Every structure is written in C-alpha cells, then in structure tokens.
C-alpha cells in the first residue's frame, strides 16, 4: 500500500504530516516505511533525527548496486522505517529521478504501508511513483489562506493536484493543516471541498506552536507531545486514514 503526500505550497506541513501519519500507523503495529521523495529539498530525515546517516535515497539513485535496505533506518522512538534523502548538494546534483519508482517497487512489498513525501507543487520528480501508488493525500495549509479567497485557493491548489491522482486512478483525500479558524468555519471549508471537488477531507489539524519543537527533537509530535492539540487531531486523522485504506 503506497501513499503519495503532496501539497501546492511550501510550508503547508506536508513532511510533518508524512512523519506523523506514518508514526500513527507504526504505533498501530503496521510495518511502515516513509520515503523522502522530495529529491532536491529533502528534509524528512530531520523529522526523525536521521539527517547525518551514511546511506540515503540519493545513494541509491546514484549507485544502483547499493542494496536499498542499507538506506532504511528504523526510528527507535516511533518504530517507523525511514529512507531519508541527502541534504548535501553534491549528492543532489546529477541524480536521475526515474530510478525512484524502481526503488519503490523493490521495497514496497516488505511493508504494509509506504509513504512517499513528494516535492511542493506539481511533483514532477515523483510522478513515476504515482504509477505504483494507491492513495494521494493532499495537504492544504489554512493558516495563510483567507476565507474570502478560499474558493480560488481550492481551484488553484487542490483541483490541480487532484487531476494528477485521477490520472493514475488513485484514491484521493484532503487534509487541512495549520487551522486557526473556529469549528463552524472549518465545517464550511470541509463542505466546500467535499461538495465542489468530490473528495473527502479525512482530517484537519490546528496550528500548534509545539510542532517546531518536536521537529527540532527529531520525534514527530504525535509521539513527542501526545496530548498537544496537533497530536490529538493527528490521531483522529490517522484513525480515519487507517479505516479508509484498510477497511
């Protein structure tokens, strides 16, 4: 089971969502792999304190003779298996994104769930992985999206990314992140997304100042501060996600 996590804008919390939802499912005793598919700006490793490891996804992209297992690390606090990317410029230059789908094909059958954290915007680097994925999760940031222009934001962000998922026959879901609005306003947003675009909103997560602290500690907030507002909402989102993909 492979899930591609995408977003239309940088800073929406796509990687944070990948880290926390993979943690939720790992805590539910699924065997989970999180892959940093943002090949040119990888930062998933930071969320698990795996930013200085020897072998990375980029090692595999540059040298096909390396066993993919060498670039997979089990995070001790969460149980998530992580394939981080390299943050070194020399490792990023000259790679071939086409090999990413081959790597995914080789490892996905060893895990119950595989998350692929994609680049911001139209994820050209990870498009080949859409062919072997099952689900597309679209993360939408609400914090910087004025309600009066939300309909325009829906068309310019969710709809474009939704077309990608439809092209590859993926199951598509939306997660609203960094929400500051009241519950009744969020309900209107959810209704607009579900009625106008015919895609389910599987969860919404409030803005929480504790999230950056958890990233600095290298432990996703759902494990780091389980009673924080964001962690509670992420668990609820995880429950719906689990039911959605395994029911």
C-alpha atoms as a PDB file:
ATOM      1  CA  UNK A   1       0.000   0.000   0.000  1.00  0.00           C
ATOM      2  CA  UNK A   2       1.698   3.214  -1.144  1.00  0.00           C
ATOM      3  CA  UNK A   3       0.550   6.769  -0.380  1.00  0.00           C
ATOM      4  CA  UNK A   4       1.866   9.878  -2.132  1.00  0.00           C
ATOM      5  CA  UNK A   5       1.734  13.017   0.061  1.00  0.00           C
ATOM      6  CA  UNK A   6       1.541  16.263  -1.921  1.00  0.00           C
ATOM      7  CA  UNK A   7       0.832  19.952  -1.435  1.00  0.00           C
ATOM      8  CA  UNK A   8       0.566  23.048  -3.579  1.00  0.00           C
ATOM      9  CA  UNK A   9       2.623  25.408  -1.424  1.00  0.00           C
ATOM     10  CA  UNK A  10       5.816  25.247   0.576  1.00  0.00           C
ATOM     11  CA  UNK A  11       5.403  25.322   4.344  1.00  0.00           C
ATOM     12  CA  UNK A  12       1.994  23.644   4.332  1.00  0.00           C
ATOM     13  CA  UNK A  13       3.232  20.866   6.612  1.00  0.00           C
ATOM     14  CA  UNK A  14       3.390  18.072   4.048  1.00  0.00           C
ATOM     15  CA  UNK A  15       6.507  16.491   5.553  1.00  0.00           C
ATOM     16  CA  UNK A  16       5.201  16.963   9.086  1.00  0.00           C
ATOM     17  CA  UNK A  17       2.020  15.174   8.027  1.00  0.00           C
ATOM     18  CA  UNK A  18       4.037  12.354   6.451  1.00  0.00           C
ATOM     19  CA  UNK A  19       6.104  11.908   9.611  1.00  0.00           C
ATOM     20  CA  UNK A  20       3.138  11.935  11.974  1.00  0.00           C
ATOM     21  CA  UNK A  21       0.738   9.756   9.999  1.00  0.00           C
ATOM     22  CA  UNK A  22       3.464   7.183   9.414  1.00  0.00           C
ATOM     23  CA  UNK A  23       4.142   7.312  13.151  1.00  0.00           C
ATOM     24  CA  UNK A  24       0.470   6.782  13.946  1.00  0.00           C
ATOM     25  CA  UNK A  25       0.270   3.666  11.784  1.00  0.00           C
ATOM     26  CA  UNK A  26       3.574   2.341  13.148  1.00  0.00           C
ATOM     27  CA  UNK A  27       2.185   2.765  16.664  1.00  0.00           C
ATOM     28  CA  UNK A  28      -0.802   0.733  15.483  1.00  0.00           C
ATOM     29  CA  UNK A  29       1.731  -2.023  14.722  1.00  0.00           C
ATOM     30  CA  UNK A  30       1.749  -1.693  10.950  1.00  0.00           C
ATOM     31  CA  UNK A  31       5.131  -2.065   9.287  1.00  0.00           C
ATOM     32  CA  UNK A  32       5.585   1.428   7.830  1.00  0.00           C
ATOM     33  CA  UNK A  33       8.182   2.965   5.545  1.00  0.00           C
ATOM     34  CA  UNK A  34       8.461   6.725   4.969  1.00  0.00           C
ATOM     35  CA  UNK A  35      10.478   7.743   1.888  1.00  0.00           C
ATOM     36  CA  UNK A  36      11.791  11.251   1.297  1.00  0.00           C
ATOM     37  CA  UNK A  37      10.761  11.760  -2.323  1.00  0.00           C
ATOM     38  CA  UNK A  38      11.482  15.493  -2.281  1.00  0.00           C
ATOM     39  CA  UNK A  39      14.714  14.853  -4.154  1.00  0.00           C
ATOM     40  CA  UNK A  40      16.059  18.407  -4.374  1.00  0.00           C
ATOM     41  CA  UNK A  41      14.901  19.777  -0.993  1.00  0.00           C
ATOM     42  CA  UNK A  42      14.739  16.696   1.252  1.00  0.00           C
ATOM     43  CA  UNK A  43      14.006  17.235   4.927  1.00  0.00           C
ATOM     44  CA  UNK A  44      12.087  14.166   6.124  1.00  0.00           C
ATOM     45  CA  UNK A  45      15.249  12.976   7.837  1.00  0.00           C
ATOM     46  CA  UNK A  46      15.190  15.996  10.171  1.00  0.00           C
ATOM     47  CA  UNK A  47      11.780  14.929  11.485  1.00  0.00           C
ATOM     48  CA  UNK A  48      13.315  11.642  12.651  1.00  0.00           C
ATOM     49  CA  UNK A  49      16.825  12.935  13.537  1.00  0.00           C
ATOM     50  CA  UNK A  50      18.238  10.998  10.572  1.00  0.00           C
ATOM     51  CA  UNK A  51      19.934  13.832   8.700  1.00  0.00           C
ATOM     52  CA  UNK A  52      23.540  12.609   9.015  1.00  0.00           C
ATOM     53  CA  UNK A  53      23.268   8.946   8.042  1.00  0.00           C
ATOM     54  CA  UNK A  54      25.728   7.202   5.717  1.00  0.00           C
ATOM     55  CA  UNK A  55      23.327   5.854   3.083  1.00  0.00           C
ATOM     56  CA  UNK A  56      20.329   7.769   1.747  1.00  0.00           C
ATOM     57  CA  UNK A  57      17.812   7.606  -1.068  1.00  0.00           C
ATOM     58  CA  UNK A  58      20.280   9.665  -3.083  1.00  0.00           C
ATOM     59  CA  UNK A  59      22.913   6.984  -2.556  1.00  0.00           C
ATOM     60  CA  UNK A  60      20.560   4.520  -4.261  1.00  0.00           C
ATOM     61  CA  UNK A  61      19.763   6.930  -7.079  1.00  0.00           C
ATOM     62  CA  UNK A  62      23.441   7.467  -7.802  1.00  0.00           C
ATOM     63  CA  UNK A  63      24.559   3.856  -7.402  1.00  0.00           C
ATOM     64  CA  UNK A  64      22.107   1.097  -8.430  1.00  0.00           C
ATOM     65  CA  UNK A  65      24.399  -1.547  -6.914  1.00  0.00           C
ATOM     66  CA  UNK A  66      23.625  -0.422  -3.365  1.00  0.00           C
ATOM     67  CA  UNK A  67      21.058  -2.567  -1.557  1.00  0.00           C
ATOM     68  CA  UNK A  68      18.000  -0.393  -0.710  1.00  0.00           C
ATOM     69  CA  UNK A  69      17.952  -1.946   2.768  1.00  0.00           C
ATOM     70  CA  UNK A  70      21.160  -0.044   3.544  1.00  0.00           C
ATOM     71  CA  UNK A  71      19.284   3.261   3.241  1.00  0.00           C
ATOM     72  CA  UNK A  72      16.386   2.248   5.520  1.00  0.00           C
ATOM     73  CA  UNK A  73      16.613   3.125   9.224  1.00  0.00           C
ATOM     74  CA  UNK A  74      14.159   2.203  11.979  1.00  0.00           C
ATOM     75  CA  UNK A  75      13.416   5.200  14.171  1.00  0.00           C
ATOM     76  CA  UNK A  76      13.679   3.926  17.766  1.00  0.00           C
ATOM     77  CA  UNK A  77      11.053   6.176  19.345  1.00  0.00           C
ATOM     78  CA  UNK A  78       8.298   5.574  16.793  1.00  0.00           C
ATOM     79  CA  UNK A  79       9.103   2.315  15.005  1.00  0.00           C
ATOM     80  CA  UNK A  80       8.819   3.992  11.595  1.00  0.00           C
ATOM     81  CA  UNK A  81      11.252   2.777   8.948  1.00  0.00           C
ATOM     82  CA  UNK A  82      12.668   5.836   7.172  1.00  0.00           C
ATOM     83  CA  UNK A  83      14.511   6.235   3.877  1.00  0.00           C
ATOM     84  CA  UNK A  84      15.864   9.789   4.196  1.00  0.00           C
ATOM     85  CA  UNK A  85      17.264  11.926   1.420  1.00  0.00           C
ATOM     86  CA  UNK A  86      20.635  13.610   1.431  1.00  0.00           C
ATOM     87  CA  UNK A  87      20.898  17.316   2.185  1.00  0.00           C
ATOM     88  CA  UNK A  88      24.385  17.513   0.646  1.00  0.00           C
ATOM     89  CA  UNK A  89      24.447  19.492  -2.609  1.00  0.00           C
ATOM     90  CA  UNK A  90      26.948  17.139  -4.245  1.00  0.00           C
ATOM     91  CA  UNK A  91      24.549  14.223  -3.687  1.00  0.00           C
ATOM     92  CA  UNK A  92      21.586  16.039  -5.206  1.00  0.00           C
ATOM     93  CA  UNK A  93      23.272  17.124  -8.435  1.00  0.00           C
ATOM     94  CA  UNK A  94      23.152  14.755 -11.387  1.00  0.00           C
ATOM     95  CA  UNK A  95      20.670  12.235  -9.995  1.00  0.00           C
ATOM     96  CA  UNK A  96      18.015  10.513 -12.105  1.00  0.00           C
ATOM     97  CA  UNK A  97      14.517  10.681 -10.569  1.00  0.00           C
ATOM     98  CA  UNK A  98      13.414   7.877 -12.915  1.00  0.00           C
ATOM     99  CA  UNK A  99      15.063   5.311 -10.641  1.00  0.00           C
ATOM    100  CA  UNK A 100      12.797   6.294  -7.744  1.00  0.00           C
ATOM    101  CA  UNK A 101       9.966   4.085  -8.992  1.00  0.00           C
ATOM    102  CA  UNK A 102      12.340   1.125  -9.279  1.00  0.00           C
ATOM    103  CA  UNK A 103      13.418   1.608  -5.682  1.00  0.00           C
ATOM    104  CA  UNK A 104       9.814   1.885  -4.535  1.00  0.00           C
ATOM    105  CA  UNK A 105       8.917  -1.300  -6.398  1.00  0.00           C
ATOM    106  CA  UNK A 106      11.771  -3.168  -4.706  1.00  0.00           C
ATOM    107  CA  UNK A 107      10.864  -2.194  -1.141  1.00  0.00           C
ATOM    108  CA  UNK A 108       7.104  -1.658  -1.011  1.00  0.00           C
ATOM    109  CA  UNK A 109       6.223  -5.340  -0.702  1.00  0.00           C
ATOM    110  CA  UNK A 110       8.202  -5.556   2.526  1.00  0.00           C
ATOM    111  CA  UNK A 111       5.965  -3.008   4.250  1.00  0.00           C
ATOM    112  CA  UNK A 112       2.263  -2.769   4.980  1.00  0.00           C
ATOM    113  CA  UNK A 113       2.251   0.964   4.222  1.00  0.00           C
ATOM    114  CA  UNK A 114       4.712   3.170   2.323  1.00  0.00           C
ATOM    115  CA  UNK A 115       4.512   6.969   2.462  1.00  0.00           C
ATOM    116  CA  UNK A 116       6.256   8.984  -0.256  1.00  0.00           C
ATOM    117  CA  UNK A 117       6.856  12.612   0.729  1.00  0.00           C
ATOM    118  CA  UNK A 118       6.719  14.488  -2.603  1.00  0.00           C
ATOM    119  CA  UNK A 119       8.045  17.902  -3.676  1.00  0.00           C
ATOM    120  CA  UNK A 120       5.910  21.015  -3.360  1.00  0.00           C
ATOM    121  CA  UNK A 121       3.672  21.914  -6.293  1.00  0.00           C
ATOM    122  CA  UNK A 122       3.341  19.630  -9.285  1.00  0.00           C
ATOM    123  CA  UNK A 123       5.622  16.767  -8.156  1.00  0.00           C
ATOM    124  CA  UNK A 124       7.477  16.149 -11.408  1.00  0.00           C
ATOM    125  CA  UNK A 125      10.280  14.298  -9.581  1.00  0.00           C
ATOM    126  CA  UNK A 126       7.927  11.705  -8.110  1.00  0.00           C
ATOM    127  CA  UNK A 127       5.393  11.403 -10.945  1.00  0.00           C
ATOM    128  CA  UNK A 128       6.638   7.914 -11.871  1.00  0.00           C
ATOM    129  CA  UNK A 129       5.760   6.718  -8.363  1.00  0.00           C
ATOM    130  CA  UNK A 130       2.110   7.590  -8.985  1.00  0.00           C
ATOM    131  CA  UNK A 131       2.012   4.548 -11.277  1.00  0.00           C
ATOM    132  CA  UNK A 132       2.650   2.180  -8.361  1.00  0.00           C
ATOM    133  CA  UNK A 133       0.759   4.104  -5.642  1.00  0.00           C
ATOM    134  CA  UNK A 134      -2.731   3.563  -4.294  1.00  0.00           C
ATOM    135  CA  UNK A 135      -3.556   6.809  -2.497  1.00  0.00           C
ATOM    136  CA  UNK A 136      -2.882  10.536  -2.837  1.00  0.00           C
ATOM    137  CA  UNK A 137      -3.042  12.748   0.243  1.00  0.00           C
ATOM    138  CA  UNK A 138      -3.304  16.483  -0.499  1.00  0.00           C
ATOM    139  CA  UNK A 139      -2.197  18.685   2.406  1.00  0.00           C
ATOM    140  CA  UNK A 140      -3.702  22.174   2.341  1.00  0.00           C
ATOM    141  CA  UNK A 141      -2.473  24.923   4.635  1.00  0.00           C
ATOM    142  CA  UNK A 142      -5.275  27.031   6.064  1.00  0.00           C
ATOM    143  CA  UNK A 143      -3.152  29.439   8.133  1.00  0.00           C
ATOM    144  CA  UNK A 144      -2.233  31.650   5.140  1.00  0.00           C
ATOM    145  CA  UNK A 145      -5.468  31.134   3.198  1.00  0.00           C
ATOM    146  CA  UNK A 146      -8.012  33.910   3.836  1.00  0.00           C
ATOM    147  CA  UNK A 147     -11.539  32.544   3.953  1.00  0.00           C
ATOM    148  CA  UNK A 148     -12.802  35.125   1.468  1.00  0.00           C
ATOM    149  CA  UNK A 149     -10.487  33.739  -1.199  1.00  0.00           C
ATOM    150  CA  UNK A 150     -10.745  30.100  -0.246  1.00  0.00           C
ATOM    151  CA  UNK A 151     -12.728  29.102  -3.333  1.00  0.00           C
ATOM    152  CA  UNK A 152      -9.953  30.472  -5.547  1.00  0.00           C
ATOM    153  CA  UNK A 153      -7.338  28.637  -3.493  1.00  0.00           C
ATOM    154  CA  UNK A 154      -9.318  25.410  -3.891  1.00  0.00           C
ATOM    155  CA  UNK A 155      -9.268  25.735  -7.680  1.00  0.00           C
ATOM    156  CA  UNK A 156      -5.609  26.721  -7.876  1.00  0.00           C
ATOM    157  CA  UNK A 157      -4.272  24.137  -5.447  1.00  0.00           C
ATOM    158  CA  UNK A 158      -6.449  21.120  -4.693  1.00  0.00           C
ATOM    159  CA  UNK A 159      -8.006  20.798  -8.126  1.00  0.00           C
ATOM    160  CA  UNK A 160      -4.676  20.721  -9.983  1.00  0.00           C
ATOM    161  CA  UNK A 161      -3.250  18.091  -7.664  1.00  0.00           C
ATOM    162  CA  UNK A 162      -6.483  16.123  -7.757  1.00  0.00           C
ATOM    163  CA  UNK A 163      -6.181  15.823 -11.541  1.00  0.00           C
ATOM    164  CA  UNK A 164      -2.865  14.011 -11.050  1.00  0.00           C
ATOM    165  CA  UNK A 165      -4.421  11.497  -8.719  1.00  0.00           C
ATOM    166  CA  UNK A 166      -7.326  10.942 -11.076  1.00  0.00           C
ATOM    167  CA  UNK A 167      -4.980  10.383 -13.999  1.00  0.00           C
ATOM    168  CA  UNK A 168      -3.362   7.492 -12.144  1.00  0.00           C
ATOM    169  CA  UNK A 169      -6.650   6.222 -10.655  1.00  0.00           C
ATOM    170  CA  UNK A 170      -5.595   6.936  -7.077  1.00  0.00           C
ATOM    171  CA  UNK A 171      -7.892   7.254  -4.093  1.00  0.00           C
ATOM    172  CA  UNK A 172      -7.679  10.950  -3.169  1.00  0.00           C
ATOM    173  CA  UNK A 173      -8.083  12.569   0.233  1.00  0.00           C
ATOM    174  CA  UNK A 174      -7.503  16.068   1.633  1.00  0.00           C
ATOM    175  CA  UNK A 175      -6.054  17.090   4.988  1.00  0.00           C
ATOM    176  CA  UNK A 176      -6.395  20.671   6.232  1.00  0.00           C
ATOM    177  CA  UNK A 177      -3.386  21.827   8.255  1.00  0.00           C
ATOM    178  CA  UNK A 178      -2.381  24.749  10.489  1.00  0.00           C
ATOM    179  CA  UNK A 179      -6.025  25.628  11.105  1.00  0.00           C
ATOM    180  CA  UNK A 180      -6.710  28.695  13.269  1.00  0.00           C
ATOM    181  CA  UNK A 181     -10.377  29.170  12.366  1.00  0.00           C
ATOM    182  CA  UNK A 182     -13.346  28.162  14.505  1.00  0.00           C
ATOM    183  CA  UNK A 183     -15.043  24.806  14.050  1.00  0.00           C
ATOM    184  CA  UNK A 184     -18.023  26.261  12.188  1.00  0.00           C
ATOM    185  CA  UNK A 185     -15.741  27.967   9.659  1.00  0.00           C
ATOM    186  CA  UNK A 186     -13.767  24.765   9.175  1.00  0.00           C
ATOM    187  CA  UNK A 187     -17.016  22.893   8.619  1.00  0.00           C
ATOM    188  CA  UNK A 188     -17.886  25.268   5.775  1.00  0.00           C
ATOM    189  CA  UNK A 189     -14.459  24.698   4.242  1.00  0.00           C
ATOM    190  CA  UNK A 190     -14.845  20.931   4.523  1.00  0.00           C
ATOM    191  CA  UNK A 191     -18.284  21.065   2.931  1.00  0.00           C
ATOM    192  CA  UNK A 192     -16.949  23.212   0.083  1.00  0.00           C
ATOM    193  CA  UNK A 193     -14.126  20.779  -0.669  1.00  0.00           C
ATOM    194  CA  UNK A 194     -16.266  17.676  -0.450  1.00  0.00           C
ATOM    195  CA  UNK A 195     -19.222  19.033  -2.412  1.00  0.00           C
ATOM    196  CA  UNK A 196     -17.414  21.044  -5.109  1.00  0.00           C
ATOM    197  CA  UNK A 197     -14.500  18.697  -5.725  1.00  0.00           C
ATOM    198  CA  UNK A 198     -15.998  15.385  -4.643  1.00  0.00           C
ATOM    199  CA  UNK A 199     -13.016  14.387  -2.483  1.00  0.00           C
ATOM    200  CA  UNK A 200     -13.156  13.518   1.222  1.00  0.00           C
ATOM    201  CA  UNK A 201     -11.486  15.637   3.881  1.00  0.00           C
ATOM    202  CA  UNK A 202     -10.092  12.972   6.162  1.00  0.00           C
ATOM    203  CA  UNK A 203      -8.941  15.367   8.861  1.00  0.00           C
ATOM    204  CA  UNK A 204      -7.962  18.842   9.959  1.00  0.00           C
ATOM    205  CA  UNK A 205      -5.100  19.784  12.267  1.00  0.00           C
ATOM    206  CA  UNK A 206      -4.940  23.042  14.265  1.00  0.00           C
ATOM    207  CA  UNK A 207      -1.944  25.334  14.265  1.00  0.00           C
ATOM    208  CA  UNK A 208       0.258  24.298  17.196  1.00  0.00           C
ATOM    209  CA  UNK A 209       3.438  26.033  18.386  1.00  0.00           C
ATOM    210  CA  UNK A 210       4.673  22.696  19.748  1.00  0.00           C
ATOM    211  CA  UNK A 211       5.193  21.235  16.274  1.00  0.00           C
ATOM    212  CA  UNK A 212       8.507  23.039  15.510  1.00  0.00           C
ATOM    213  CA  UNK A 213       9.818  21.903  18.897  1.00  0.00           C
ATOM    214  CA  UNK A 214       9.059  18.269  18.067  1.00  0.00           C
ATOM    215  CA  UNK A 215      10.820  18.622  14.698  1.00  0.00           C
ATOM    216  CA  UNK A 216      13.899  20.018  16.456  1.00  0.00           C
ATOM    217  CA  UNK A 217      13.862  16.983  18.750  1.00  0.00           C
ATOM    218  CA  UNK A 218      13.562  14.577  15.826  1.00  0.00           C
ATOM    219  CA  UNK A 219      10.408  12.952  17.181  1.00  0.00           C
ATOM    220  CA  UNK A 220       7.018  13.552  15.480  1.00  0.00           C
ATOM    221  CA  UNK A 221       4.628  15.415  17.739  1.00  0.00           C
ATOM    222  CA  UNK A 222       2.099  12.581  17.832  1.00  0.00           C
ATOM    223  CA  UNK A 223       4.733  10.715  19.904  1.00  0.00           C
ATOM    224  CA  UNK A 224       6.652  13.669  21.365  1.00  0.00           C
ATOM    225  CA  UNK A 225       3.672  15.500  22.917  1.00  0.00           C
ATOM    226  CA  UNK A 226       0.705  13.128  22.573  1.00  0.00           C
ATOM    227  CA  UNK A 227      -1.705  15.404  24.455  1.00  0.00           C
ATOM    228  CA  UNK A 228      -0.991  18.522  22.419  1.00  0.00           C
ATOM    229  CA  UNK A 229      -3.728  19.909  20.190  1.00  0.00           C
ATOM    230  CA  UNK A 230      -1.956  18.893  16.991  1.00  0.00           C
ATOM    231  CA  UNK A 231      -1.212  15.373  18.236  1.00  0.00           C
ATOM    232  CA  UNK A 232      -4.835  14.764  19.214  1.00  0.00           C
ATOM    233  CA  UNK A 233      -6.036  15.936  15.805  1.00  0.00           C
ATOM    234  CA  UNK A 234      -3.382  13.859  14.036  1.00  0.00           C
ATOM    235  CA  UNK A 235      -4.509  10.730  15.897  1.00  0.00           C
ATOM    236  CA  UNK A 236      -8.084  11.392  14.810  1.00  0.00           C
ATOM    237  CA  UNK A 237      -6.875  11.872  11.228  1.00  0.00           C
ATOM    238  CA  UNK A 238      -4.822   8.705  11.500  1.00  0.00           C
ATOM    239  CA  UNK A 239      -7.840   6.728  12.665  1.00  0.00           C
ATOM    240  CA  UNK A 240      -9.828   7.850   9.633  1.00  0.00           C
ATOM    241  CA  UNK A 241      -6.878   7.169   7.334  1.00  0.00           C
ATOM    242  CA  UNK A 242      -6.478   3.674   8.747  1.00  0.00           C
ATOM    243  CA  UNK A 243     -10.138   2.902   8.245  1.00  0.00           C
ATOM    244  CA  UNK A 244     -10.080   4.443   4.753  1.00  0.00           C
ATOM    245  CA  UNK A 245      -7.189   2.364   3.442  1.00  0.00           C
ATOM    246  CA  UNK A 246      -7.708  -0.900   5.348  1.00  0.00           C
ATOM    247  CA  UNK A 247     -11.475  -1.241   5.679  1.00  0.00           C
END
